[in-house]
Protein backbone atom coordinates (compact mmCIF):
# COMPACT_ATOMS: atom_id res chain seq x y z
CA UNK A 1 176.94 23.20 46.28
CA UNK A 2 174.30 22.54 43.62
CA UNK A 3 172.42 25.76 44.43
CA UNK A 4 175.69 27.68 44.21
CA UNK A 5 176.46 26.12 40.83
CA UNK A 6 172.99 26.92 39.49
CA UNK A 7 172.74 30.45 40.82
CA UNK A 8 176.33 31.70 40.66
CA UNK A 9 178.43 29.69 38.23
CA UNK A 10 176.08 28.84 35.37
CA UNK A 11 175.20 32.44 34.47
CA UNK A 12 178.83 33.00 33.44
CA UNK A 13 178.27 30.35 30.76
CA UNK A 14 175.02 31.91 29.54
CA UNK A 15 172.67 29.67 31.52
CA UNK A 16 170.30 31.87 33.48
CA UNK A 17 167.37 29.60 34.14
CA UNK A 18 166.39 28.27 37.54
CA UNK A 19 165.07 25.20 35.76
CA UNK A 20 168.57 23.88 35.08
CA UNK A 21 169.01 20.43 36.56
CA UNK A 22 172.44 19.97 38.15
CA UNK A 23 173.59 16.51 39.23
CA UNK A 24 176.97 15.02 40.21
CA UNK A 25 178.74 13.19 37.41
CA UNK A 26 181.35 10.44 37.66
CA UNK A 27 183.43 9.41 40.64
CA UNK A 28 186.72 11.24 40.11
CA UNK A 29 189.10 11.63 43.03
CA UNK A 30 190.13 15.23 42.35
CA UNK A 31 187.64 17.66 40.77
CA UNK A 32 183.95 18.38 41.37
CA UNK A 33 182.06 17.43 38.22
CA UNK A 34 178.40 18.04 37.39
CA UNK A 35 176.07 17.30 34.52
CA UNK A 36 173.87 20.32 33.75
CA UNK A 37 170.67 19.97 31.72
CA UNK A 38 168.20 22.69 30.81
CA UNK A 39 165.55 22.87 28.10
CA UNK A 40 167.23 21.28 25.10
CA UNK A 41 170.78 21.97 26.30
CA UNK A 42 173.35 20.09 28.34
CA UNK A 43 176.97 20.45 29.37
CA UNK A 44 179.52 19.21 31.89
CA UNK A 45 180.65 21.70 34.52
CA UNK A 46 183.82 21.19 36.54
CA UNK A 47 185.20 22.87 39.59
CA UNK A 48 188.96 22.38 39.25
CA UNK A 49 190.84 21.44 42.41
CA UNK A 50 193.43 24.22 42.56
CA UNK A 51 195.24 22.55 45.45
CA UNK A 52 196.16 19.81 42.96
CA UNK A 53 196.22 21.87 39.76
CA UNK A 54 198.00 25.01 40.89
CA UNK A 55 198.01 26.51 37.37
CA UNK A 56 194.42 25.83 36.27
CA UNK A 57 194.66 28.21 33.34
CA UNK A 58 197.40 26.01 31.89
CA UNK A 59 195.09 23.01 32.29
CA UNK A 60 192.25 24.56 30.27
CA UNK A 61 194.67 25.93 27.65
CA UNK A 62 196.19 22.47 27.19
CA UNK A 63 192.76 20.92 26.77
CA UNK A 64 191.80 23.61 24.27
CA UNK A 65 194.91 22.97 22.14
CA UNK A 66 194.27 19.23 22.13
CA UNK A 67 190.58 19.60 21.27
CA UNK A 68 191.43 21.99 18.43
CA UNK A 69 194.04 19.60 17.00
CA UNK A 70 191.78 16.55 17.25
CA UNK A 71 188.80 18.41 15.80
CA UNK A 72 190.92 19.34 12.79
CA UNK A 73 191.93 15.71 12.39
CA UNK A 74 188.31 14.60 12.68
CA UNK A 75 187.22 17.06 9.99
CA UNK A 76 189.79 15.47 7.67
CA UNK A 77 188.58 12.00 8.71
CA UNK A 78 191.90 11.27 10.40
CA UNK A 79 190.40 10.88 13.87
CA UNK A 80 187.47 8.53 14.38
CA UNK A 81 186.42 9.41 17.94
CA UNK A 82 184.23 12.25 19.19
CA UNK A 83 186.04 15.26 20.64
CA UNK A 84 185.08 16.72 24.00
CA UNK A 85 185.36 20.48 23.50
CA UNK A 86 185.72 23.37 25.95
CA UNK A 87 182.76 25.76 26.12
CA UNK A 88 183.57 29.42 26.62
CA UNK A 89 181.97 31.91 28.99
CA UNK A 90 179.83 34.78 27.75
CA UNK A 91 183.02 36.85 27.70
CA UNK A 92 184.86 34.33 25.54
CA UNK A 93 187.01 32.84 28.31
CA UNK A 94 187.83 29.15 28.73
CA UNK A 95 187.06 29.29 32.45
CA UNK A 96 185.92 31.56 35.24
CA UNK A 97 188.03 32.16 38.34
CA UNK A 98 185.88 32.98 41.37
CA UNK A 99 188.76 32.98 43.81
CA UNK A 100 187.84 31.19 47.02
CA UNK A 101 184.58 30.11 45.39
CA UNK A 102 186.39 28.03 42.82
CA UNK A 103 187.82 27.83 39.33
CA UNK A 104 185.14 26.62 36.91
CA UNK A 105 185.14 25.41 33.33
CA UNK A 106 182.51 23.89 31.06
CA UNK A 107 182.93 21.20 28.41
CA UNK A 108 180.61 19.58 25.93
CA UNK A 109 178.55 16.57 26.99
CA UNK A 110 178.27 13.55 24.74
CA UNK A 111 174.81 11.97 24.78
CA UNK A 112 174.51 8.20 24.68
CA UNK A 113 177.84 7.94 26.50
CA UNK A 114 178.66 5.27 29.03
CA UNK A 115 181.69 4.67 31.21
CA UNK A 116 182.60 1.47 33.06
CA UNK A 117 184.64 0.97 36.21
CA UNK A 118 185.87 -2.60 35.75
CA UNK A 119 186.77 -4.36 32.52
CA UNK A 120 184.72 -7.54 32.25
CA UNK A 121 185.97 -9.02 28.97
CA UNK A 122 188.73 -8.92 26.37
CA UNK A 123 186.61 -6.95 23.90
CA UNK A 124 186.23 -4.06 26.36
CA UNK A 125 189.97 -4.00 27.03
CA UNK A 126 190.85 -4.18 23.34
CA UNK A 127 188.48 -1.41 22.27
CA UNK A 128 189.54 0.94 25.08
CA UNK A 129 193.25 0.34 24.53
CA UNK A 130 192.77 0.87 20.80
CA UNK A 131 190.94 4.14 21.51
CA UNK A 132 193.72 5.43 23.77
CA UNK A 133 196.26 4.39 21.15
CA UNK A 134 194.25 6.19 18.46
CA UNK A 135 194.17 9.31 20.65
CA UNK A 136 197.95 9.29 21.11
CA UNK A 137 198.59 8.52 17.46
CA UNK A 138 196.46 11.49 16.38
CA UNK A 139 198.46 13.74 18.71
CA UNK A 140 201.86 12.43 17.62
CA UNK A 141 202.29 15.30 15.14
CA UNK A 142 201.46 18.01 17.71
CA UNK A 143 204.58 19.45 19.34
CA UNK A 144 204.52 18.19 22.93
CA UNK A 145 206.39 21.26 24.16
CA UNK A 146 203.30 23.36 23.34
CA UNK A 147 201.64 21.97 26.45
CA UNK A 148 202.49 23.23 29.91
CA UNK A 149 203.18 20.84 32.77
CA UNK A 150 200.11 21.21 34.97
CA UNK A 151 201.65 18.93 37.62
CA UNK A 152 205.46 18.96 37.34
CA UNK A 153 207.16 15.59 37.84
CA UNK A 154 203.76 13.87 37.77
CA UNK A 155 205.14 10.47 36.79
CA UNK A 156 208.48 10.72 38.59
CA UNK A 157 208.99 7.60 40.68
CA UNK A 158 212.14 8.81 42.50
CA UNK A 159 210.28 11.91 43.65
CA UNK A 160 207.23 9.91 44.69
CA UNK A 161 209.37 7.57 46.79
CA UNK A 162 211.06 10.58 48.40
CA UNK A 163 207.64 12.02 49.24
CA UNK A 164 206.69 8.72 50.85
CA UNK A 165 209.86 8.68 52.92
CA UNK A 166 209.21 12.25 54.04
CA UNK A 167 205.65 11.36 55.03
CA UNK A 168 206.93 8.39 57.02
CA UNK A 169 209.54 10.47 58.82
CA UNK A 170 207.12 13.25 59.71
CA UNK A 171 204.21 10.90 60.46
CA UNK A 172 202.03 13.91 61.25
CA UNK A 173 198.91 11.83 61.81
CA UNK A 174 200.70 8.91 63.50
CA UNK A 175 199.57 6.43 60.89
CA UNK A 176 202.84 4.79 59.91
CA UNK A 177 202.58 2.06 62.57
CA UNK A 178 199.44 0.74 60.87
CA UNK A 179 201.04 0.28 57.47
CA UNK A 180 204.68 -0.62 58.04
CA UNK A 181 204.40 -3.70 55.80
CA UNK A 182 203.48 -1.59 52.79
CA UNK A 183 205.98 1.14 53.59
CA UNK A 184 208.77 -1.41 53.65
CA UNK A 185 207.54 -3.09 50.49
CA UNK A 186 207.37 0.15 48.52
CA UNK A 187 210.78 1.27 49.70
CA UNK A 188 212.33 -2.06 48.68
CA UNK A 189 211.59 -1.60 44.97
CA UNK A 190 214.64 0.58 44.26
CA UNK A 191 215.72 -1.52 41.27
CA UNK A 192 213.08 0.19 39.14
CA UNK A 193 214.92 3.48 39.55
CA UNK A 194 218.00 2.12 37.79
CA UNK A 195 215.91 0.86 34.87
CA UNK A 196 214.23 4.24 34.56
CA UNK A 197 217.53 6.11 34.66
CA UNK A 198 218.88 3.96 31.84
CA UNK A 199 215.85 3.94 29.53
CA UNK A 200 214.08 7.28 30.01
CA UNK A 201 216.72 9.44 28.25
CA UNK A 202 216.24 7.34 25.10
CA UNK A 203 212.50 8.05 24.86
CA UNK A 204 210.98 10.89 22.79
CA UNK A 205 208.62 13.34 24.41
CA UNK A 206 205.00 12.75 23.42
CA UNK A 207 201.70 14.28 24.40
CA UNK A 208 200.44 11.83 26.99
CA UNK A 209 196.99 11.49 28.53
CA UNK A 210 198.53 10.47 31.88
CA UNK A 211 195.28 9.07 33.29
CA UNK A 212 194.23 6.23 30.98
CA UNK A 213 191.79 4.64 33.40
CA UNK A 214 189.04 2.57 31.87
CA UNK A 215 186.43 5.14 32.94
CA UNK A 216 188.19 7.86 30.93
CA UNK A 217 187.18 6.15 27.69
CA UNK A 218 183.51 6.56 26.91
CA UNK A 219 181.54 3.86 25.16
CA UNK A 220 178.48 4.53 23.01
CA UNK A 221 175.84 2.70 25.01
CA UNK A 222 173.80 2.05 21.87
CA UNK A 223 176.33 -0.41 20.47
CA UNK A 224 179.25 -0.35 22.99
CA UNK A 225 181.61 1.10 20.40
CA UNK A 226 184.38 3.48 21.48
CA UNK A 227 183.02 7.02 21.62
CA UNK A 228 185.57 9.42 23.11
CA UNK A 229 188.60 9.93 25.32
CA UNK A 230 187.78 12.26 28.21
CA UNK A 231 189.43 13.89 31.23
CA UNK A 232 192.31 15.74 29.59
CA UNK A 233 193.30 17.47 32.84
CA UNK A 234 196.66 15.73 33.12
CA UNK A 235 197.59 15.82 29.43
CA UNK A 236 201.22 16.91 29.30
CA UNK A 237 204.45 16.02 27.59
CA UNK A 238 205.94 12.75 28.75
CA UNK A 239 206.52 9.12 27.85
CA UNK A 240 203.81 6.84 26.51
CA UNK A 241 204.96 3.92 28.64
CA UNK A 242 203.03 5.53 31.50
CA UNK A 243 199.78 5.65 29.50
CA UNK A 244 200.24 1.97 28.71
CA UNK A 245 201.03 1.28 32.36
CA UNK A 246 197.90 2.98 33.61
CA UNK A 247 195.79 0.86 31.28
CA UNK A 248 197.41 -2.26 32.70
CA UNK A 249 196.78 -0.92 36.20
CA UNK A 250 193.10 -0.14 35.68
CA UNK A 251 192.03 -2.77 33.14
CA UNK A 252 193.60 -6.00 34.28
CA UNK A 253 192.29 -6.50 37.80
CA UNK A 254 188.79 -7.96 38.24
CA UNK A 255 188.41 -5.69 41.28
CA UNK A 256 188.06 -1.90 41.55
CA UNK A 257 191.15 -0.04 42.75
CA UNK A 258 189.83 0.35 46.29
CA UNK A 259 188.59 -3.22 46.72
CA UNK A 260 189.74 -4.90 49.91
CA UNK A 261 189.27 -8.37 48.40
CA UNK A 262 193.02 -8.67 47.88
CA UNK A 263 192.88 -12.41 47.23
CA UNK A 264 191.03 -11.57 44.02
CA UNK A 265 193.30 -8.71 42.93
CA UNK A 266 195.52 -9.98 40.13
CA UNK A 267 196.56 -9.28 36.54
CA UNK A 268 194.29 -11.20 34.15
CA UNK A 269 196.54 -12.49 31.38
CA UNK A 270 193.85 -12.39 28.68
CA UNK A 271 193.06 -8.75 29.47
CA UNK A 272 196.74 -7.81 29.40
CA UNK A 273 197.03 -9.46 26.00
CA UNK A 274 193.99 -7.55 24.71
CA UNK A 275 195.50 -4.24 25.89
CA UNK A 276 198.69 -5.00 23.97
CA UNK A 277 196.80 -5.92 20.79
CA UNK A 278 194.58 -2.84 20.91
CA UNK A 279 197.25 -0.30 21.83
CA UNK A 280 199.87 -1.53 19.37
CA UNK A 281 197.33 -1.79 16.54
CA UNK A 282 197.21 2.03 16.59
CA UNK A 283 200.73 2.90 17.69
CA UNK A 284 202.83 0.04 16.36
CA UNK A 285 204.25 2.15 13.52
CA UNK A 286 204.49 5.32 15.62
CA UNK A 287 206.49 4.04 18.57
CA UNK A 288 210.25 3.84 18.40
CA UNK A 289 211.93 0.57 19.32
CA UNK A 290 212.98 2.04 22.66
CA UNK A 291 209.38 3.08 23.32
CA UNK A 292 208.16 -0.45 22.63
CA UNK A 293 210.80 -1.77 25.00
CA UNK A 294 209.67 0.69 27.67
CA UNK A 295 206.08 -0.53 27.90
CA UNK A 296 206.75 -3.35 30.36
CA UNK A 297 208.69 -0.94 32.56
CA UNK A 298 205.82 1.54 32.38
CA UNK A 299 203.35 -1.10 33.58
CA UNK A 300 205.45 -1.89 36.63
CA UNK A 301 206.28 1.71 37.47
CA UNK A 302 202.68 2.92 37.31
CA UNK A 303 201.27 0.10 39.46
CA UNK A 304 203.91 0.71 42.10
CA UNK A 305 203.80 4.50 41.88
CA UNK A 306 200.04 4.83 42.27
CA UNK A 307 200.26 2.62 45.32
CA UNK A 308 202.99 4.88 46.67
CA UNK A 309 200.87 7.96 46.04
CA UNK A 310 197.85 6.48 47.83
CA UNK A 311 200.02 5.41 50.76
CA UNK A 312 201.70 8.82 50.98
CA UNK A 313 198.33 10.58 50.97
CA UNK A 314 197.10 8.28 53.73
CA UNK A 315 200.11 9.19 55.86
CA UNK A 316 199.66 12.89 55.09
CA UNK A 317 196.04 12.91 56.20
CA UNK A 318 194.23 12.37 52.88
CA UNK A 319 194.90 15.80 51.43
CA UNK A 320 195.09 14.87 47.72
CA UNK A 321 192.64 12.08 46.86
CA UNK A 322 189.00 12.30 47.91
CA UNK A 323 188.13 9.58 50.40
CA UNK A 324 184.79 8.11 51.40
CA UNK A 325 185.71 6.45 54.67
CA UNK A 326 188.57 6.02 57.14
CA UNK A 327 191.67 4.30 55.71
CA UNK A 328 190.30 4.56 52.17
CA UNK A 329 193.68 5.57 50.75
CA UNK A 330 195.43 2.81 52.66
CA UNK A 331 193.01 0.29 51.15
CA UNK A 332 193.73 1.71 47.70
CA UNK A 333 197.46 1.43 48.32
CA UNK A 334 197.24 -2.20 49.43
CA UNK A 335 195.17 -2.97 46.34
CA UNK A 336 197.69 -1.41 43.97
CA UNK A 337 200.71 -3.04 45.61
CA UNK A 338 198.96 -6.41 45.38
CA UNK A 339 198.36 -5.85 41.66
CA UNK A 340 202.02 -4.88 41.24
CA UNK A 341 203.08 -8.13 42.89
CA UNK A 342 200.88 -10.08 40.49
CA UNK A 343 202.51 -8.29 37.58
CA UNK A 344 205.97 -9.34 38.77
CA UNK A 345 204.89 -12.93 39.34
CA UNK A 346 203.68 -13.23 35.74
CA UNK A 347 206.50 -11.33 34.03
CA UNK A 348 207.72 -14.13 31.76
CA UNK A 349 204.36 -14.93 30.18
CA UNK A 350 203.07 -11.36 30.04
CA UNK A 351 206.10 -9.91 28.25
CA UNK A 352 205.46 -12.27 25.35
CA UNK A 353 202.48 -10.15 24.30
CA UNK A 354 204.74 -7.11 23.85
CA UNK A 355 207.21 -8.84 21.55
């Protein structure tokens, strides 16, 4: 793969040296991402997974519109973070489509950047939540309908539960017998659907990041200040309760999302409180009252829904998320359902931080 990237893909972006150093970057589940360094230059190169993102041109156009808007805000000192920008091909295109050999795009690389996988303290949670809130606040005056839906119904719990049921019924890989406990548990959470049906129509459409994991906020490793929001692949119109929910999902547990140490998977109250403080410090005057009321629902829905998606992919033969060993997606599902249970158990005390 690296030889192919160096010899075939990079020349489209004006890099024609065999001295370019290409190395894998990050641990994303979906795309192939590489850091490319040559001479005094560097960039990030991504091979977009077109089985997941079936309209990859829409993805790069969305990212371009967001980067342009944020760059304009930054020039006027209205946006404090760095902006990851798309880099065009020699022919002025945002990406290159090589058919069966992949759909490739390049973006700027931020030196001195650092990502983390697990939040270790309140300060990390606060700064990351504040950064994601700042990102959304800066985009609040950009018409959300300008962005195309790169994955329709991405955060649609009823549809995700239907997909799970279909996977169970088909059971193509005969895996359902090994996870009946989690299948039953997920299917028993129907009450969330009624809450969604009642509240969702009251919420305005916003430009949402839709993947606010802790490792999608870069720190400046020189002083651990917030540097940039990255991975704009799933930016679409939607409801901000899901961005809040994904922060709760990925910040609050002391374990990574595929940890099998389920006894240690729980929502840390102090981290939840720090998320609320950071996020609302940037969006408190932007969010409507209904949006503020939706945040607790978003936390529950996302924790459950990601577990459902992992479980569905396990049953379907691991066709969506990259796995590193047998039952990896089942382990991820169990982890997320355990975190969801912890969220429910602490509802009374956690909701206080949103009031």
